């Protein structure tokens, strides 16, 4: 999936997400925030300048969020995003209000809406995790110029092809062709393969 497709899914299909920021003591604080718009430059949301959430965003300029869609655990898709945010003020405010008209019920007057300001999550990383598929589907990527980081478990040349890791993989996502290889798009990141490997061929990044 392309970045813009993930952003569209987050904004239109999930919409309400749980966002984590750090307070002045470096401790995590969560809150529910609606994603109100998106484009190729990022995800957009708004808040009031008097809120503690606004204070944390201005102090740290960074957040993590997760949104989930599904009737239960085994039918859900979870999308997580982390990265840098910037305040863009009222530049996009009217568009967000028009696209999310319920905000007029929360802030009914023009004077009350003067407290609102828009932020853009413009650079970071995304992880898609789909438990509705068998085996599970996961992938991650970066956006906005952020450098992609290797994540998960990898099998090195130390592998002697014994196949022990295959027996403990809950998603059967390891294939053996001389040496073992993990199909990362189906991996749960449980670490069973690393735990059982007799040659320490599995590493975590």
C-alpha atoms as a PDB file:
ATOM      1  CA  UNK A   1       0.000   0.000   0.000  1.00  0.00           C
ATOM      2  CA  UNK A   2       1.117   3.546  -0.710  1.00  0.00           C
ATOM      3  CA  UNK A   3       1.551   6.117   2.050  1.00  0.00           C
ATOM      4  CA  UNK A   4      -1.443   8.120   0.870  1.00  0.00           C
ATOM      5  CA  UNK A   5      -3.621   4.977   1.004  1.00  0.00           C
ATOM      6  CA  UNK A   6      -2.622   4.340   4.627  1.00  0.00           C
ATOM      7  CA  UNK A   7      -3.349   7.967   5.533  1.00  0.00           C
ATOM      8  CA  UNK A   8      -6.737   7.734   3.803  1.00  0.00           C
ATOM      9  CA  UNK A   9      -7.578   4.539   5.701  1.00  0.00           C
ATOM     10  CA  UNK A  10      -6.567   6.116   9.008  1.00  0.00           C
ATOM     11  CA  UNK A  11      -8.560   9.284   8.454  1.00  0.00           C
ATOM     12  CA  UNK A  12     -11.686   7.848   6.835  1.00  0.00           C
ATOM     13  CA  UNK A  13     -11.994   4.309   8.191  1.00  0.00           C
ATOM     14  CA  UNK A  14     -10.529   4.684  11.704  1.00  0.00           C
ATOM     15  CA  UNK A  15     -10.653   8.444  12.360  1.00  0.00           C
ATOM     16  CA  UNK A  16     -10.370   8.352  16.166  1.00  0.00           C
ATOM     17  CA  UNK A  17      -6.930   7.313  17.392  1.00  0.00           C
ATOM     18  CA  UNK A  18      -5.079   7.108  20.684  1.00  0.00           C
ATOM     19  CA  UNK A  19      -2.103   9.460  20.722  1.00  0.00           C
ATOM     20  CA  UNK A  20       0.811   9.354  23.139  1.00  0.00           C
ATOM     21  CA  UNK A  21       3.045  12.298  23.999  1.00  0.00           C
ATOM     22  CA  UNK A  22       5.463  12.922  26.862  1.00  0.00           C
ATOM     23  CA  UNK A  23       4.849  15.341  29.698  1.00  0.00           C
ATOM     24  CA  UNK A  24       7.404  17.645  31.331  1.00  0.00           C
ATOM     25  CA  UNK A  25       8.723  14.702  33.384  1.00  0.00           C
ATOM     26  CA  UNK A  26       9.257  12.550  30.315  1.00  0.00           C
ATOM     27  CA  UNK A  27       6.328  10.283  31.187  1.00  0.00           C
ATOM     28  CA  UNK A  28       3.848   9.128  28.522  1.00  0.00           C
ATOM     29  CA  UNK A  29       0.368  10.632  28.416  1.00  0.00           C
ATOM     30  CA  UNK A  30      -2.378   9.388  26.084  1.00  0.00           C
ATOM     31  CA  UNK A  31      -5.493  11.016  24.695  1.00  0.00           C
ATOM     32  CA  UNK A  32      -8.079  10.314  22.000  1.00  0.00           C
ATOM     33  CA  UNK A  33      -7.629  12.513  18.937  1.00  0.00           C
ATOM     34  CA  UNK A  34      -9.527  12.524  15.637  1.00  0.00           C
ATOM     35  CA  UNK A  35      -7.512  12.572  12.422  1.00  0.00           C
ATOM     36  CA  UNK A  36      -9.384  15.125  10.343  1.00  0.00           C
ATOM     37  CA  UNK A  37      -7.562  15.328   7.034  1.00  0.00           C
ATOM     38  CA  UNK A  38      -4.629  13.970   5.045  1.00  0.00           C
ATOM     39  CA  UNK A  39      -2.628  14.567   1.893  1.00  0.00           C
ATOM     40  CA  UNK A  40       0.766  13.607   0.505  1.00  0.00           C
ATOM     41  CA  UNK A  41       2.396  15.820   3.152  1.00  0.00           C
ATOM     42  CA  UNK A  42       0.960  14.070   6.200  1.00  0.00           C
ATOM     43  CA  UNK A  43      -1.937  13.698   8.625  1.00  0.00           C
ATOM     44  CA  UNK A  44      -3.815  16.669  10.076  1.00  0.00           C
ATOM     45  CA  UNK A  45      -5.605  17.156  13.376  1.00  0.00           C
ATOM     46  CA  UNK A  46      -6.544  20.082  15.558  1.00  0.00           C
ATOM     47  CA  UNK A  47      -6.589  20.988  19.212  1.00  0.00           C
ATOM     48  CA  UNK A  48      -7.210  24.013  21.398  1.00  0.00           C
ATOM     49  CA  UNK A  49      -4.240  26.110  22.432  1.00  0.00           C
ATOM     50  CA  UNK A  50      -5.307  26.010  26.063  1.00  0.00           C
ATOM     51  CA  UNK A  51      -5.079  22.221  26.342  1.00  0.00           C
ATOM     52  CA  UNK A  52      -2.224  20.305  27.962  1.00  0.00           C
ATOM     53  CA  UNK A  53      -2.045  18.277  24.742  1.00  0.00           C
ATOM     54  CA  UNK A  54      -1.105  21.459  22.876  1.00  0.00           C
ATOM     55  CA  UNK A  55       1.546  22.232  25.478  1.00  0.00           C
ATOM     56  CA  UNK A  56       3.091  18.758  25.098  1.00  0.00           C
ATOM     57  CA  UNK A  57       3.096  18.981  21.313  1.00  0.00           C
ATOM     58  CA  UNK A  58       4.854  22.338  21.378  1.00  0.00           C
ATOM     59  CA  UNK A  59       7.398  21.166  23.941  1.00  0.00           C
ATOM     60  CA  UNK A  60       8.315  17.888  22.247  1.00  0.00           C
ATOM     61  CA  UNK A  61       7.198  18.101  18.627  1.00  0.00           C
ATOM     62  CA  UNK A  62       6.769  14.335  18.533  1.00  0.00           C
ATOM     63  CA  UNK A  63       3.950  11.820  19.008  1.00  0.00           C
ATOM     64  CA  UNK A  64       2.922   8.208  18.521  1.00  0.00           C
ATOM     65  CA  UNK A  65      -0.582   7.089  17.624  1.00  0.00           C
ATOM     66  CA  UNK A  66      -2.506   3.887  17.049  1.00  0.00           C
ATOM     67  CA  UNK A  67      -5.907   3.325  15.506  1.00  0.00           C
ATOM     68  CA  UNK A  68      -7.813   0.024  15.331  1.00  0.00           C
ATOM     69  CA  UNK A  69     -10.692  -1.084  13.108  1.00  0.00           C
ATOM     70  CA  UNK A  70     -12.524  -4.381  13.563  1.00  0.00           C
ATOM     71  CA  UNK A  71     -15.258  -6.072  15.532  1.00  0.00           C
ATOM     72  CA  UNK A  72     -12.864  -8.130  17.647  1.00  0.00           C
ATOM     73  CA  UNK A  73      -9.167  -8.944  17.985  1.00  0.00           C
ATOM     74  CA  UNK A  74      -9.088 -11.521  15.211  1.00  0.00           C
ATOM     75  CA  UNK A  75     -10.838  -9.263  12.703  1.00  0.00           C
ATOM     76  CA  UNK A  76      -8.919  -6.073  13.402  1.00  0.00           C
ATOM     77  CA  UNK A  77      -6.461  -3.946  11.488  1.00  0.00           C
ATOM     78  CA  UNK A  78      -4.157  -1.804  13.614  1.00  0.00           C
ATOM     79  CA  UNK A  79      -2.257   1.136  12.161  1.00  0.00           C
ATOM     80  CA  UNK A  80       0.452   2.865  14.179  1.00  0.00           C
ATOM     81  CA  UNK A  81       2.256   6.061  13.229  1.00  0.00           C
ATOM     82  CA  UNK A  82       5.053   7.901  15.005  1.00  0.00           C
ATOM     83  CA  UNK A  83       6.938  11.005  14.061  1.00  0.00           C
ATOM     84  CA  UNK A  84       7.433  14.734  14.091  1.00  0.00           C
ATOM     85  CA  UNK A  85       4.594  17.238  14.178  1.00  0.00           C
ATOM     86  CA  UNK A  86       4.460  20.917  13.346  1.00  0.00           C
ATOM     87  CA  UNK A  87       1.846  23.556  14.064  1.00  0.00           C
ATOM     88  CA  UNK A  88       0.421  25.123  10.919  1.00  0.00           C
ATOM     89  CA  UNK A  89      -2.100  27.320  12.746  1.00  0.00           C
ATOM     90  CA  UNK A  90      -5.334  28.395  11.045  1.00  0.00           C
ATOM     91  CA  UNK A  91      -4.049  27.861   7.511  1.00  0.00           C
ATOM     92  CA  UNK A  92      -6.060  24.644   7.099  1.00  0.00           C
ATOM     93  CA  UNK A  93      -8.588  25.141   9.898  1.00  0.00           C
ATOM     94  CA  UNK A  94     -11.648  25.906   7.767  1.00  0.00           C
ATOM     95  CA  UNK A  95     -11.041  22.854   5.607  1.00  0.00           C
ATOM     96  CA  UNK A  96     -10.855  20.615   8.693  1.00  0.00           C
ATOM     97  CA  UNK A  97     -14.037  22.133  10.137  1.00  0.00           C
ATOM     98  CA  UNK A  98     -15.926  21.666   6.882  1.00  0.00           C
ATOM     99  CA  UNK A  99     -14.720  18.091   6.564  1.00  0.00           C
ATOM    100  CA  UNK A 100     -15.615  17.350  10.194  1.00  0.00           C
ATOM    101  CA  UNK A 101     -18.806  19.387  10.836  1.00  0.00           C
ATOM    102  CA  UNK A 102     -19.387  17.856  14.275  1.00  0.00           C
ATOM    103  CA  UNK A 103     -16.703  20.276  15.465  1.00  0.00           C
ATOM    104  CA  UNK A 104     -19.263  23.086  15.089  1.00  0.00           C
ATOM    105  CA  UNK A 105     -21.251  21.447  17.888  1.00  0.00           C
ATOM    106  CA  UNK A 106     -18.209  21.337  20.164  1.00  0.00           C
ATOM    107  CA  UNK A 107     -17.080  24.883  19.293  1.00  0.00           C
ATOM    108  CA  UNK A 108     -20.358  26.537  18.169  1.00  0.00           C
ATOM    109  CA  UNK A 109     -19.260  30.158  17.812  1.00  0.00           C
ATOM    110  CA  UNK A 110     -16.568  31.838  15.795  1.00  0.00           C
ATOM    111  CA  UNK A 111     -15.156  33.266  19.001  1.00  0.00           C
ATOM    112  CA  UNK A 112     -14.910  29.828  20.621  1.00  0.00           C
ATOM    113  CA  UNK A 113     -13.222  28.425  17.500  1.00  0.00           C
ATOM    114  CA  UNK A 114     -10.490  31.038  17.780  1.00  0.00           C
ATOM    115  CA  UNK A 115      -8.820  28.730  20.307  1.00  0.00           C
ATOM    116  CA  UNK A 116      -8.275  26.041  17.665  1.00  0.00           C
ATOM    117  CA  UNK A 117      -5.060  25.388  15.796  1.00  0.00           C
ATOM    118  CA  UNK A 118      -4.016  22.725  13.293  1.00  0.00           C
ATOM    119  CA  UNK A 119      -1.059  20.358  13.495  1.00  0.00           C
ATOM    120  CA  UNK A 120       0.480  18.169  10.806  1.00  0.00           C
ATOM    121  CA  UNK A 121       2.237  14.860  11.425  1.00  0.00           C
ATOM    122  CA  UNK A 122       4.675  15.282   8.558  1.00  0.00           C
ATOM    123  CA  UNK A 123       7.626  12.950   9.076  1.00  0.00           C
ATOM    124  CA  UNK A 124       8.037   9.537  10.661  1.00  0.00           C
ATOM    125  CA  UNK A 125       7.176   5.877  10.353  1.00  0.00           C
ATOM    126  CA  UNK A 126       4.078   3.737   9.812  1.00  0.00           C
ATOM    127  CA  UNK A 127       3.273   0.154  10.768  1.00  0.00           C
ATOM    128  CA  UNK A 128       0.323  -1.811   9.381  1.00  0.00           C
ATOM    129  CA  UNK A 129      -0.769  -4.924  11.318  1.00  0.00           C
ATOM    130  CA  UNK A 130      -3.677  -7.049  10.025  1.00  0.00           C
ATOM    131  CA  UNK A 131      -4.827  -9.918  12.244  1.00  0.00           C
ATOM    132  CA  UNK A 132      -7.787 -10.747   9.998  1.00  0.00           C
ATOM    133  CA  UNK A 133      -5.496 -12.520   7.527  1.00  0.00           C
ATOM    134  CA  UNK A 134      -3.910 -15.946   7.834  1.00  0.00           C
ATOM    135  CA  UNK A 135      -0.997 -15.691   8.250  1.00  0.00           C
ATOM    136  CA  UNK A 136      -1.070 -12.197   9.706  1.00  0.00           C
ATOM    137  CA  UNK A 137       0.057  -9.319   7.503  1.00  0.00           C
ATOM    138  CA  UNK A 138       2.393  -6.592   8.653  1.00  0.00           C
ATOM    139  CA  UNK A 139       4.589  -4.047   6.974  1.00  0.00           C
ATOM    140  CA  UNK A 140       6.249  -0.782   7.893  1.00  0.00           C
ATOM    141  CA  UNK A 141       7.741   2.173   6.058  1.00  0.00           C
ATOM    142  CA  UNK A 142       8.860   5.740   6.582  1.00  0.00           C
ATOM    143  CA  UNK A 143       7.434   8.961   5.131  1.00  0.00           C
ATOM    144  CA  UNK A 144       8.256  12.635   4.847  1.00  0.00           C
ATOM    145  CA  UNK A 145      11.971  12.095   4.385  1.00  0.00           C
ATOM    146  CA  UNK A 146      12.457  10.070   7.562  1.00  0.00           C
ATOM    147  CA  UNK A 147      14.992   7.252   7.235  1.00  0.00           C
ATOM    148  CA  UNK A 148      13.539   3.742   7.316  1.00  0.00           C
ATOM    149  CA  UNK A 149      14.802   1.569  10.151  1.00  0.00           C
ATOM    150  CA  UNK A 150      15.241  -2.202   9.934  1.00  0.00           C
ATOM    151  CA  UNK A 151      12.853  -3.852  12.370  1.00  0.00           C
ATOM    152  CA  UNK A 152      12.116  -7.378  13.503  1.00  0.00           C
ATOM    153  CA  UNK A 153      14.054 -10.644  13.331  1.00  0.00           C
ATOM    154  CA  UNK A 154      16.600 -11.676  10.710  1.00  0.00           C
ATOM    155  CA  UNK A 155      18.458 -14.925  10.077  1.00  0.00           C
ATOM    156  CA  UNK A 156      22.166 -14.561   9.372  1.00  0.00           C
ATOM    157  CA  UNK A 157      24.705 -16.767   7.586  1.00  0.00           C
ATOM    158  CA  UNK A 158      25.301 -18.615  10.848  1.00  0.00           C
ATOM    159  CA  UNK A 159      22.175 -20.654  10.048  1.00  0.00           C
ATOM    160  CA  UNK A 160      22.982 -24.354   9.502  1.00  0.00           C
ATOM    161  CA  UNK A 161      19.531 -25.245   8.206  1.00  0.00           C
ATOM    162  CA  UNK A 162      18.446 -27.426  11.140  1.00  0.00           C
ATOM    163  CA  UNK A 163      14.823 -26.256  10.885  1.00  0.00           C
ATOM    164  CA  UNK A 164      14.194 -25.957  14.610  1.00  0.00           C
ATOM    165  CA  UNK A 165      12.867 -22.429  14.148  1.00  0.00           C
ATOM    166  CA  UNK A 166      10.126 -23.696  11.838  1.00  0.00           C
ATOM    167  CA  UNK A 167       8.638 -25.810  14.614  1.00  0.00           C
ATOM    168  CA  UNK A 168       8.133 -22.856  16.986  1.00  0.00           C
ATOM    169  CA  UNK A 169       6.907 -20.192  14.531  1.00  0.00           C
ATOM    170  CA  UNK A 170       3.206 -19.514  15.294  1.00  0.00           C
ATOM    171  CA  UNK A 171       2.552 -18.061  11.827  1.00  0.00           C
ATOM    172  CA  UNK A 172       4.596 -20.572   9.800  1.00  0.00           C
ATOM    173  CA  UNK A 173       6.392 -17.666   8.216  1.00  0.00           C
ATOM    174  CA  UNK A 174       9.871 -19.236   8.092  1.00  0.00           C
ATOM    175  CA  UNK A 175      10.912 -21.070   4.944  1.00  0.00           C
ATOM    176  CA  UNK A 176      13.850 -23.430   4.652  1.00  0.00           C
ATOM    177  CA  UNK A 177      15.898 -23.567   1.469  1.00  0.00           C
ATOM    178  CA  UNK A 178      19.332 -24.622   2.618  1.00  0.00           C
ATOM    179  CA  UNK A 179      19.180 -21.816   5.150  1.00  0.00           C
ATOM    180  CA  UNK A 180      16.104 -20.507   6.930  1.00  0.00           C
ATOM    181  CA  UNK A 181      14.527 -17.192   5.967  1.00  0.00           C
ATOM    182  CA  UNK A 182      11.793 -15.210   7.724  1.00  0.00           C
ATOM    183  CA  UNK A 183       8.965 -13.810   5.636  1.00  0.00           C
ATOM    184  CA  UNK A 184       8.867 -10.493   7.477  1.00  0.00           C
ATOM    185  CA  UNK A 185       5.437  -9.504   6.175  1.00  0.00           C
ATOM    186  CA  UNK A 186       3.902 -12.377   8.187  1.00  0.00           C
ATOM    187  CA  UNK A 187       6.098 -12.284  11.300  1.00  0.00           C
ATOM    188  CA  UNK A 188       4.569 -11.683  14.748  1.00  0.00           C
ATOM    189  CA  UNK A 189       7.927 -10.614  16.249  1.00  0.00           C
ATOM    190  CA  UNK A 190       7.440 -13.182  19.026  1.00  0.00           C
ATOM    191  CA  UNK A 191      11.159 -14.086  19.172  1.00  0.00           C
ATOM    192  CA  UNK A 192      10.664 -17.863  19.324  1.00  0.00           C
ATOM    193  CA  UNK A 193      13.090 -18.402  16.456  1.00  0.00           C
ATOM    194  CA  UNK A 194      15.869 -16.499  18.213  1.00  0.00           C
ATOM    195  CA  UNK A 195      15.240 -18.325  21.479  1.00  0.00           C
ATOM    196  CA  UNK A 196      15.510 -21.817  19.963  1.00  0.00           C
ATOM    197  CA  UNK A 197      18.291 -21.296  17.405  1.00  0.00           C
ATOM    198  CA  UNK A 198      21.302 -23.446  18.426  1.00  0.00           C
ATOM    199  CA  UNK A 199      23.812 -21.372  16.432  1.00  0.00           C
ATOM    200  CA  UNK A 200      22.565 -17.913  17.470  1.00  0.00           C
ATOM    201  CA  UNK A 201      21.887 -17.202  13.809  1.00  0.00           C
ATOM    202  CA  UNK A 202      18.771 -15.128  14.500  1.00  0.00           C
ATOM    203  CA  UNK A 203      19.249 -11.493  15.404  1.00  0.00           C
ATOM    204  CA  UNK A 204      16.829  -8.729  16.280  1.00  0.00           C
ATOM    205  CA  UNK A 205      17.082  -5.237  14.865  1.00  0.00           C
END
